[in-house]
Amino acid sequence: MATAKTAAPAISPLSGEPIKPADAERLAGVLKAFADPARLRLLSLIQSAPQGEASVTDLTAPLGLSQPTVSHHLRILTEAGLLERDKRGVWVYYKIVPSAIAAIADLLTPPRKRATKRTR
């Protein structure tokens, strides 16, 4: 299995504290991987595959893209830490990294405002 080259920062830009420049760079890299319609479709197709994984050959026809283009998008998603690759013989299968997706969702969800009690 491949390891992520890009990790999400531990602090959200919506936490109320300034995000450090290096953390902003890392988060922007991950969000750039999301910011492409073909990559969003790839994530969706892989997640909805029967085994929760798919190879390039499983993904080219539904996307209507060439094998090199699909491979390029899969590489970007893998480097961002959103997908894992598992090589089996000559085939490579990709699957979603749920913890990476959840971490991004958490970072982009503003903290809930605490209910304040009024005293009289």
C-alpha atoms as a PDB file:
ATOM      1  CA  MET A   1       0.000   0.000   0.000  1.00  0.00           C
ATOM      2  CA  ALA A   2       1.222   3.480  -0.798  1.00  0.00           C
ATOM      3  CA  THR A   3       1.577   6.088   1.886  1.00  0.00           C
ATOM      4  CA  ALA A   4       0.304   9.610   1.598  1.00  0.00           C
ATOM      5  CA  LYS A   5       2.812  12.253   0.583  1.00  0.00           C
ATOM      6  CA  THR A   6       0.434  15.065   1.535  1.00  0.00           C
ATOM      7  CA  ALA A   7      -1.061  15.178   5.003  1.00  0.00           C
ATOM      8  CA  ALA A   8      -3.843  17.433   6.154  1.00  0.00           C
ATOM      9  CA  PRO A   9      -2.940  19.881   8.895  1.00  0.00           C
ATOM     10  CA  ALA A  10      -4.156  19.254  12.416  1.00  0.00           C
ATOM     11  CA  ILE A  11      -5.799  22.663  12.737  1.00  0.00           C
ATOM     12  CA  SER A  12      -8.781  23.841  10.729  1.00  0.00           C
ATOM     13  CA  PRO A  13      -8.764  27.209   8.983  1.00  0.00           C
ATOM     14  CA  LEU A  14     -12.227  27.589  10.520  1.00  0.00           C
ATOM     15  CA  SER A  15     -11.195  26.899  14.115  1.00  0.00           C
ATOM     16  CA  GLY A  16     -10.902  30.534  15.027  1.00  0.00           C
ATOM     17  CA  GLU A  17      -7.115  30.392  15.159  1.00  0.00           C
ATOM     18  CA  PRO A  18      -4.834  31.453  12.318  1.00  0.00           C
ATOM     19  CA  ILE A  19      -3.600  28.516  10.265  1.00  0.00           C
ATOM     20  CA  LYS A  20       0.162  28.299   9.795  1.00  0.00           C
ATOM     21  CA  PRO A  21       1.517  28.858   6.260  1.00  0.00           C
ATOM     22  CA  ALA A  22       2.856  25.301   5.983  1.00  0.00           C
ATOM     23  CA  ASP A  23      -0.489  23.869   7.116  1.00  0.00           C
ATOM     24  CA  ALA A  24      -2.310  26.070   4.608  1.00  0.00           C
ATOM     25  CA  GLU A  25      -0.025  24.769   1.831  1.00  0.00           C
ATOM     26  CA  ARG A  26      -0.706  21.132   2.767  1.00  0.00           C
ATOM     27  CA  LEU A  27      -4.457  21.667   3.000  1.00  0.00           C
ATOM     28  CA  ALA A  28      -4.504  23.531  -0.319  1.00  0.00           C
ATOM     29  CA  GLY A  29      -2.687  20.605  -1.951  1.00  0.00           C
ATOM     30  CA  VAL A  30      -5.320  18.157  -0.763  1.00  0.00           C
ATOM     31  CA  LEU A  31      -8.166  20.457  -1.770  1.00  0.00           C
ATOM     32  CA  LYS A  32      -6.603  20.892  -5.233  1.00  0.00           C
ATOM     33  CA  ALA A  33      -6.816  17.124  -5.632  1.00  0.00           C
ATOM     34  CA  PHE A  34     -10.564  17.369  -4.909  1.00  0.00           C
ATOM     35  CA  ALA A  35     -11.051  20.376  -7.189  1.00  0.00           C
ATOM     36  CA  ASP A  36     -11.427  18.508 -10.445  1.00  0.00           C
ATOM     37  CA  PRO A  37     -14.644  16.948 -11.768  1.00  0.00           C
ATOM     38  CA  ALA A  38     -12.875  13.827 -13.054  1.00  0.00           C
ATOM     39  CA  ARG A  39     -11.218  13.245  -9.664  1.00  0.00           C
ATOM     40  CA  LEU A  40     -14.497  13.697  -7.834  1.00  0.00           C
ATOM     41  CA  ARG A  41     -16.041  11.135 -10.184  1.00  0.00           C
ATOM     42  CA  LEU A  42     -13.111   8.781  -9.605  1.00  0.00           C
ATOM     43  CA  LEU A  43     -13.604   8.959  -5.847  1.00  0.00           C
ATOM     44  CA  SER A  44     -17.303   8.277  -6.334  1.00  0.00           C
ATOM     45  CA  LEU A  45     -16.741   5.376  -8.737  1.00  0.00           C
ATOM     46  CA  ILE A  46     -14.165   3.741  -6.480  1.00  0.00           C
ATOM     47  CA  GLN A  47     -16.303   4.151  -3.373  1.00  0.00           C
ATOM     48  CA  SER A  48     -19.342   2.656  -5.115  1.00  0.00           C
ATOM     49  CA  ALA A  49     -17.445  -0.266  -6.690  1.00  0.00           C
ATOM     50  CA  PRO A  50     -18.601  -3.702  -5.445  1.00  0.00           C
ATOM     51  CA  GLN A  51     -15.466  -4.320  -3.363  1.00  0.00           C
ATOM     52  CA  GLY A  52     -14.802  -0.639  -2.642  1.00  0.00           C
ATOM     53  CA  GLU A  53     -11.827  -0.758  -4.973  1.00  0.00           C
ATOM     54  CA  ALA A  54     -11.171  -0.447  -8.692  1.00  0.00           C
ATOM     55  CA  SER A  55      -8.390  -0.655 -11.251  1.00  0.00           C
ATOM     56  CA  VAL A  56      -7.647   1.800 -14.043  1.00  0.00           C
ATOM     57  CA  THR A  57      -9.377  -0.494 -16.524  1.00  0.00           C
ATOM     58  CA  ASP A  58     -12.545  -0.390 -14.393  1.00  0.00           C
ATOM     59  CA  LEU A  59     -12.520   3.418 -14.462  1.00  0.00           C
ATOM     60  CA  THR A  60     -11.643   4.469 -18.020  1.00  0.00           C
ATOM     61  CA  ALA A  61     -14.978   3.638 -19.694  1.00  0.00           C
ATOM     62  CA  PRO A  62     -17.257   5.251 -17.062  1.00  0.00           C
ATOM     63  CA  LEU A  63     -15.162   8.442 -17.162  1.00  0.00           C
ATOM     64  CA  GLY A  64     -14.742   8.469 -20.937  1.00  0.00           C
ATOM     65  CA  LEU A  65     -11.057   9.296 -20.481  1.00  0.00           C
ATOM     66  CA  SER A  66      -7.930   7.560 -21.734  1.00  0.00           C
ATOM     67  CA  GLN A  67      -5.951   5.209 -19.513  1.00  0.00           C
ATOM     68  CA  PRO A  68      -3.012   7.645 -19.159  1.00  0.00           C
ATOM     69  CA  THR A  69      -5.362  10.457 -18.100  1.00  0.00           C
ATOM     70  CA  VAL A  70      -7.131   8.267 -15.537  1.00  0.00           C
ATOM     71  CA  SER A  71      -3.754   7.092 -14.213  1.00  0.00           C
ATOM     72  CA  HIS A  72      -2.646  10.729 -13.885  1.00  0.00           C
ATOM     73  CA  HIS A  73      -5.724  11.622 -11.826  1.00  0.00           C
ATOM     74  CA  LEU A  74      -5.331   8.505  -9.657  1.00  0.00           C
ATOM     75  CA  ARG A  75      -1.705   9.437  -8.969  1.00  0.00           C
ATOM     76  CA  ILE A  76      -2.723  12.910  -7.826  1.00  0.00           C
ATOM     77  CA  LEU A  77      -5.402  11.499  -5.511  1.00  0.00           C
ATOM     78  CA  THR A  78      -2.937   8.938  -4.132  1.00  0.00           C
ATOM     79  CA  GLU A  79      -0.230  11.556  -3.522  1.00  0.00           C
ATOM     80  CA  ALA A  80      -2.802  13.695  -1.706  1.00  0.00           C
ATOM     81  CA  GLY A  81      -3.457  10.745   0.607  1.00  0.00           C
ATOM     82  CA  LEU A  82      -7.054  10.257  -0.509  1.00  0.00           C
ATOM     83  CA  LEU A  83      -6.489   6.873  -2.183  1.00  0.00           C
ATOM     84  CA  GLU A  84      -4.376   3.822  -1.426  1.00  0.00           C
ATOM     85  CA  ARG A  85      -2.914   1.639  -4.159  1.00  0.00           C
ATOM     86  CA  ASP A  86      -2.502  -2.101  -3.891  1.00  0.00           C
ATOM     87  CA  LYS A  87      -0.421  -3.798  -6.589  1.00  0.00           C
ATOM     88  CA  ARG A  88      -1.442  -7.390  -7.339  1.00  0.00           C
ATOM     89  CA  GLY A  89       0.702  -8.872 -10.080  1.00  0.00           C
ATOM     90  CA  VAL A  90       0.397  -6.526 -13.060  1.00  0.00           C
ATOM     91  CA  TRP A  91      -2.808  -4.887 -11.761  1.00  0.00           C
ATOM     92  CA  VAL A  92      -3.080  -1.964  -9.355  1.00  0.00           C
ATOM     93  CA  TYR A  93      -6.262  -1.500  -7.355  1.00  0.00           C
ATOM     94  CA  TYR A  94      -7.257   1.777  -5.717  1.00  0.00           C
ATOM     95  CA  LYS A  95      -9.441   2.321  -2.686  1.00  0.00           C
ATOM     96  CA  ILE A  96     -10.563   5.316  -0.663  1.00  0.00           C
ATOM     97  CA  VAL A  97      -8.757   6.212   2.567  1.00  0.00           C
ATOM     98  CA  PRO A  98     -11.805   6.902   4.780  1.00  0.00           C
ATOM     99  CA  SER A  99      -9.777   8.568   7.521  1.00  0.00           C
ATOM    100  CA  ALA A 100      -8.330  11.080   5.020  1.00  0.00           C
ATOM    101  CA  ILE A 101     -11.772  11.977   3.698  1.00  0.00           C
ATOM    102  CA  ALA A 102     -13.118  12.293   7.265  1.00  0.00           C
ATOM    103  CA  ALA A 103     -10.176  14.487   8.291  1.00  0.00           C
ATOM    104  CA  ILE A 104     -10.839  16.890   5.412  1.00  0.00           C
ATOM    105  CA  ALA A 105     -14.543  16.996   6.267  1.00  0.00           C
ATOM    106  CA  ASP A 106     -13.694  17.759   9.906  1.00  0.00           C
ATOM    107  CA  LEU A 107     -11.280  20.516   8.916  1.00  0.00           C
ATOM    108  CA  LEU A 108     -13.918  22.206   6.785  1.00  0.00           C
ATOM    109  CA  THR A 109     -16.740  21.921   9.302  1.00  0.00           C
ATOM    110  CA  PRO A 110     -16.924  25.027  11.484  1.00  0.00           C
ATOM    111  CA  PRO A 111     -16.997  24.324  15.203  1.00  0.00           C
ATOM    112  CA  ARG A 112     -20.444  24.514  16.707  1.00  0.00           C
ATOM    113  CA  LYS A 113     -21.186  27.578  18.672  1.00  0.00           C
ATOM    114  CA  ARG A 114     -21.509  26.769  22.306  1.00  0.00           C
ATOM    115  CA  ALA A 115     -24.820  27.547  23.873  1.00  0.00           C
ATOM    116  CA  THR A 116     -24.389  30.312  26.368  1.00  0.00           C
ATOM    117  CA  LYS A 117     -26.534  30.455  29.439  1.00  0.00           C
ATOM    118  CA  ARG A 118     -27.869  33.822  30.410  1.00  0.00           C
ATOM    119  CA  THR A 119     -27.962  34.609  34.053  1.00  0.00           C
ATOM    120  CA  ARG A 120     -30.475  37.009  35.495  1.00  0.00           C
END
